[in-house]
Amino acid sequence: MEKQPLRVQLLTQKGESFQIKLPHLDIPVTVDREIYQRMCKDPNYQFSNAALAS
């Protein structure tokens, strides 16, 4: 059985920080640019806000 990617929503970007919403957390998580870019390239994550996720 193939594992489904985790759906992540990009909420805001402020400078080098990105606020993302993970499905099983009630509060947003702040990550830096390096972590955000790694998550974008990782097939285990699927970003739902394509306009901000580039």
PDB file of N, CA and C in Angstrom:
ATOM      1  N   MET A   1       0.842  -1.184   0.000  1.00  0.00           N
ATOM      2  CA  MET A   1       0.000   0.000   0.000  1.00  0.00           C
ATOM      3  C   MET A   1       0.888   1.248   0.000  1.00  0.00           C
ATOM      4  N   GLU A   2       0.601   2.160  -0.907  1.00  0.00           N
ATOM      5  CA  GLU A   2       1.413   3.366  -1.048  1.00  0.00           C
ATOM      6  C   GLU A   2       0.986   4.416  -0.027  1.00  0.00           C
ATOM      7  N   LYS A   3       1.971   5.066   0.551  1.00  0.00           N
ATOM      8  CA  LYS A   3       1.722   6.099   1.555  1.00  0.00           C
ATOM      9  C   LYS A   3       1.277   7.397   0.879  1.00  0.00           C
ATOM     10  N   GLN A   4       0.214   8.011   1.390  1.00  0.00           N
ATOM     11  CA  GLN A   4      -0.291   9.275   0.853  1.00  0.00           C
ATOM     12  C   GLN A   4       0.556  10.433   1.383  1.00  0.00           C
ATOM     13  N   PRO A   5       0.816  11.454   0.558  1.00  0.00           N
ATOM     14  CA  PRO A   5       1.575  12.613   1.049  1.00  0.00           C
ATOM     15  C   PRO A   5       0.772  13.402   2.081  1.00  0.00           C
ATOM     16  N   LEU A   6       1.479  13.992   3.006  1.00  0.00           N
ATOM     17  CA  LEU A   6       0.869  14.817   4.042  1.00  0.00           C
ATOM     18  C   LEU A   6       0.506  16.166   3.436  1.00  0.00           C
ATOM     19  N   ARG A   7      -0.749  16.561   3.555  1.00  0.00           N
ATOM     20  CA  ARG A   7      -1.201  17.833   2.976  1.00  0.00           C
ATOM     21  C   ARG A   7      -0.867  18.978   3.927  1.00  0.00           C
ATOM     22  N   VAL A   8      -0.093  19.906   3.424  1.00  0.00           N
ATOM     23  CA  VAL A   8       0.364  21.055   4.197  1.00  0.00           C
ATOM     24  C   VAL A   8      -0.186  22.312   3.541  1.00  0.00           C
ATOM     25  N   GLN A   9      -0.648  23.235   4.357  1.00  0.00           N
ATOM     26  CA  GLN A   9      -1.157  24.502   3.821  1.00  0.00           C
ATOM     27  C   GLN A   9      -0.202  25.621   4.215  1.00  0.00           C
ATOM     28  N   LEU A  10       0.241  26.384   3.228  1.00  0.00           N
ATOM     29  CA  LEU A  10       1.076  27.551   3.485  1.00  0.00           C
ATOM     30  C   LEU A  10       0.165  28.713   3.830  1.00  0.00           C
ATOM     31  N   LEU A  11       0.344  29.267   5.024  1.00  0.00           N
ATOM     32  CA  LEU A  11      -0.516  30.359   5.482  1.00  0.00           C
ATOM     33  C   LEU A  11       0.061  31.720   5.130  1.00  0.00           C
ATOM     34  N   THR A  12       1.274  31.998   5.590  1.00  0.00           N
ATOM     35  CA  THR A  12       1.899  33.300   5.333  1.00  0.00           C
ATOM     36  C   THR A  12       3.412  33.153   5.208  1.00  0.00           C
ATOM     37  N   GLN A  13       4.007  34.172   4.603  1.00  0.00           N
ATOM     38  CA  GLN A  13       5.458  34.286   4.539  1.00  0.00           C
ATOM     39  C   GLN A  13       5.827  35.665   5.053  1.00  0.00           C
ATOM     40  N   LYS A  14       6.755  35.695   6.014  1.00  0.00           N
ATOM     41  CA  LYS A  14       7.268  36.960   6.533  1.00  0.00           C
ATOM     42  C   LYS A  14       8.785  36.881   6.510  1.00  0.00           C
ATOM     43  N   GLY A  15       9.382  37.530   5.519  1.00  0.00           N
ATOM     44  CA  GLY A  15      10.841  37.490   5.386  1.00  0.00           C
ATOM     45  C   GLY A  15      11.306  36.079   5.087  1.00  0.00           C
ATOM     46  N   GLU A  16      12.151  35.542   5.955  1.00  0.00           N
ATOM     47  CA  GLU A  16      12.693  34.190   5.788  1.00  0.00           C
ATOM     48  C   GLU A  16      11.873  33.142   6.525  1.00  0.00           C
ATOM     49  N   SER A  17      10.755  33.525   7.124  1.00  0.00           N
ATOM     50  CA  SER A  17       9.921  32.598   7.888  1.00  0.00           C
ATOM     51  C   SER A  17       8.623  32.295   7.151  1.00  0.00           C
ATOM     52  N   PHE A  18       8.190  31.053   7.257  1.00  0.00           N
ATOM     53  CA  PHE A  18       6.957  30.598   6.626  1.00  0.00           C
ATOM     54  C   PHE A  18       6.077  29.962   7.692  1.00  0.00           C
ATOM     55  N   GLN A  19       4.810  30.350   7.729  1.00  0.00           N
ATOM     56  CA  GLN A  19       3.860  29.708   8.629  1.00  0.00           C
ATOM     57  C   GLN A  19       3.089  28.683   7.829  1.00  0.00           C
ATOM     58  N   ILE A  20       3.137  27.426   8.304  1.00  0.00           N
ATOM     59  CA  ILE A  20       2.436  26.345   7.631  1.00  0.00           C
ATOM     60  C   ILE A  20       1.442  25.705   8.587  1.00  0.00           C
ATOM     61  N   LYS A  21       0.415  25.108   8.028  1.00  0.00           N
ATOM     62  CA  LYS A  21      -0.612  24.421   8.813  1.00  0.00           C
ATOM     63  C   LYS A  21      -0.528  22.945   8.483  1.00  0.00           C
ATOM     64  N   LEU A  22      -0.263  22.138   9.503  1.00  0.00           N
ATOM     65  CA  LEU A  22      -0.225  20.691   9.347  1.00  0.00           C
ATOM     66  C   LEU A  22      -1.582  20.118   9.755  1.00  0.00           C
ATOM     67  N   PRO A  23      -2.013  19.027   9.139  1.00  0.00           N
ATOM     68  CA  PRO A  23      -3.382  18.551   9.333  1.00  0.00           C
ATOM     69  C   PRO A  23      -3.740  18.132  10.759  1.00  0.00           C
ATOM     70  N   HIS A  24      -2.799  17.662  11.538  1.00  0.00           N
ATOM     71  CA  HIS A  24      -3.130  17.151  12.867  1.00  0.00           C
ATOM     72  C   HIS A  24      -2.762  18.107  13.997  1.00  0.00           C
ATOM     73  N   LEU A  25      -2.447  19.351  13.653  1.00  0.00           N
ATOM     74  CA  LEU A  25      -2.117  20.354  14.665  1.00  0.00           C
ATOM     75  C   LEU A  25      -3.119  21.495  14.596  1.00  0.00           C
ATOM     76  N   ASP A  26      -3.479  22.028  15.754  1.00  0.00           N
ATOM     77  CA  ASP A  26      -4.442  23.128  15.807  1.00  0.00           C
ATOM     78  C   ASP A  26      -3.795  24.493  15.609  1.00  0.00           C
ATOM     79  N   ILE A  27      -2.481  24.572  15.785  1.00  0.00           N
ATOM     80  CA  ILE A  27      -1.790  25.853  15.645  1.00  0.00           C
ATOM     81  C   ILE A  27      -0.817  25.786  14.470  1.00  0.00           C
ATOM     82  N   PRO A  28      -0.536  26.925  13.822  1.00  0.00           N
ATOM     83  CA  PRO A  28       0.431  26.914  12.718  1.00  0.00           C
ATOM     84  C   PRO A  28       1.859  26.714  13.229  1.00  0.00           C
ATOM     85  N   VAL A  29       2.701  26.215  12.357  1.00  0.00           N
ATOM     86  CA  VAL A  29       4.106  25.975  12.661  1.00  0.00           C
ATOM     87  C   VAL A  29       4.934  26.932  11.814  1.00  0.00           C
ATOM     88  N   THR A  30       5.940  27.560  12.411  1.00  0.00           N
ATOM     89  CA  THR A  30       6.828  28.463  11.687  1.00  0.00           C
ATOM     90  C   THR A  30       8.116  27.722  11.349  1.00  0.00           C
ATOM     91  N   VAL A  31       8.487  27.758  10.066  1.00  0.00           N
ATOM     92  CA  VAL A  31       9.727  27.129   9.608  1.00  0.00           C
ATOM     93  C   VAL A  31      10.549  28.159   8.841  1.00  0.00           C
ATOM     94  N   ASP A  32      11.861  27.929   8.786  1.00  0.00           N
ATOM     95  CA  ASP A  32      12.711  28.847   8.025  1.00  0.00           C
ATOM     96  C   ASP A  32      12.727  28.445   6.549  1.00  0.00           C
ATOM     97  N   ARG A  33      13.367  29.254   5.725  1.00  0.00           N
ATOM     98  CA  ARG A  33      13.366  29.045   4.273  1.00  0.00           C
ATOM     99  C   ARG A  33      13.971  27.690   3.888  1.00  0.00           C
ATOM    100  N   GLU A  34      15.049  27.293   4.540  1.00  0.00           N
ATOM    101  CA  GLU A  34      15.707  26.028   4.197  1.00  0.00           C
ATOM    102  C   GLU A  34      14.772  24.833   4.428  1.00  0.00           C
ATOM    103  N   ILE A  35      14.124  24.804   5.578  1.00  0.00           N
ATOM    104  CA  ILE A  35      13.196  23.705   5.879  1.00  0.00           C
ATOM    105  C   ILE A  35      12.011  23.733   4.924  1.00  0.00           C
ATOM    106  N   TYR A  36      11.492  24.920   4.656  1.00  0.00           N
ATOM    107  CA  TYR A  36      10.360  25.055   3.742  1.00  0.00           C
ATOM    108  C   TYR A  36      10.711  24.527   2.346  1.00  0.00           C
ATOM    109  N   GLN A  37      11.881  24.892   1.839  1.00  0.00           N
ATOM    110  CA  GLN A  37      12.292  24.444   0.509  1.00  0.00           C
ATOM    111  C   GLN A  37      12.502  22.932   0.466  1.00  0.00           C
ATOM    112  N   ARG A  38      13.031  22.368   1.544  1.00  0.00           N
ATOM    113  CA  ARG A  38      13.184  20.908   1.609  1.00  0.00           C
ATOM    114  C   ARG A  38      11.825  20.218   1.584  1.00  0.00           C
ATOM    115  N   MET A  39      10.869  20.787   2.314  1.00  0.00           N
ATOM    116  CA  MET A  39       9.527  20.200   2.348  1.00  0.00           C
ATOM    117  C   MET A  39       8.859  20.284   0.974  1.00  0.00           C
ATOM    118  N   CYS A  40       9.078  21.380   0.253  1.00  0.00           N
ATOM    119  CA  CYS A  40       8.482  21.542  -1.082  1.00  0.00           C
ATOM    120  C   CYS A  40       9.000  20.488  -2.058  1.00  0.00           C
ATOM    121  N   LYS A  41      10.257  20.105  -1.920  1.00  0.00           N
ATOM    122  CA  LYS A  41      10.865  19.120  -2.820  1.00  0.00           C
ATOM    123  C   LYS A  41      10.587  17.680  -2.397  1.00  0.00           C
ATOM    124  N   ASP A  42      10.172  17.488  -1.153  1.00  0.00           N
ATOM    125  CA  ASP A  42       9.941  16.150  -0.608  1.00  0.00           C
ATOM    126  C   ASP A  42       8.581  15.618  -1.063  1.00  0.00           C
ATOM    127  N   PRO A  43       8.532  14.441  -1.682  1.00  0.00           N
ATOM    128  CA  PRO A  43       7.245  13.896  -2.140  1.00  0.00           C
ATOM    129  C   PRO A  43       6.312  13.492  -1.003  1.00  0.00           C
ATOM    130  N   ASN A  44       6.805  13.484   0.233  1.00  0.00           N
ATOM    131  CA  ASN A  44       5.959  13.143   1.376  1.00  0.00           C
ATOM    132  C   ASN A  44       5.063  14.297   1.807  1.00  0.00           C
ATOM    133  N   TYR A  45       5.281  15.486   1.247  1.00  0.00           N
ATOM    134  CA  TYR A  45       4.473  16.669   1.575  1.00  0.00           C
ATOM    135  C   TYR A  45       3.816  17.196   0.311  1.00  0.00           C
ATOM    136  N   GLN A  46       2.568  17.601   0.437  1.00  0.00           N
ATOM    137  CA  GLN A  46       1.841  18.197  -0.682  1.00  0.00           C
ATOM    138  C   GLN A  46       1.268  19.524  -0.200  1.00  0.00           C
ATOM    139  N   PHE A  47       1.725  20.623  -0.808  1.00  0.00           N
ATOM    140  CA  PHE A  47       1.256  21.947  -0.416  1.00  0.00           C
ATOM    141  C   PHE A  47      -0.023  22.284  -1.164  1.00  0.00           C
ATOM    142  N   SER A  48      -1.026  22.768  -0.417  1.00  0.00           N
ATOM    143  CA  SER A  48      -2.330  23.029  -1.029  1.00  0.00           C
ATOM    144  C   SER A  48      -2.462  24.452  -1.548  1.00  0.00           C
ATOM    145  N   ASN A  49      -1.616  25.376  -1.121  1.00  0.00           N
ATOM    146  CA  ASN A  49      -1.697  26.752  -1.591  1.00  0.00           C
ATOM    147  C   ASN A  49      -0.589  26.976  -2.613  1.00  0.00           C
ATOM    148  N   ALA A  50      -0.847  26.615  -3.854  1.00  0.00           N
ATOM    149  CA  ALA A  50       0.183  26.663  -4.900  1.00  0.00           C
ATOM    150  C   ALA A  50       0.653  28.082  -5.200  1.00  0.00           C
ATOM    151  N   ALA A  51      -0.191  29.083  -4.982  1.00  0.00           N
ATOM    152  CA  ALA A  51       0.181  30.472  -5.275  1.00  0.00           C
ATOM    153  C   ALA A  51       1.315  30.941  -4.368  1.00  0.00           C
ATOM    154  N   LEU A  52       1.319  30.512  -3.110  1.00  0.00           N
ATOM    155  CA  LEU A  52       2.360  30.926  -2.174  1.00  0.00           C
ATOM    156  C   LEU A  52       3.475  29.895  -2.059  1.00  0.00           C
ATOM    157  N   ALA A  53       3.263  28.705  -2.505  1.00  0.00           N
ATOM    158  CA  ALA A  53       4.197  27.616  -2.263  1.00  0.00           C
ATOM    159  C   ALA A  53       5.329  27.519  -3.281  1.00  0.00           C
ATOM    160  N   SER A  54       5.575  28.528  -4.059  1.00  0.00           N
ATOM    161  CA  SER A  54       6.650  28.437  -5.055  1.00  0.00           C
ATOM    162  C   SER A  54       7.958  28.976  -4.530  1.00  0.00           C
TER     163      SER A  54
END
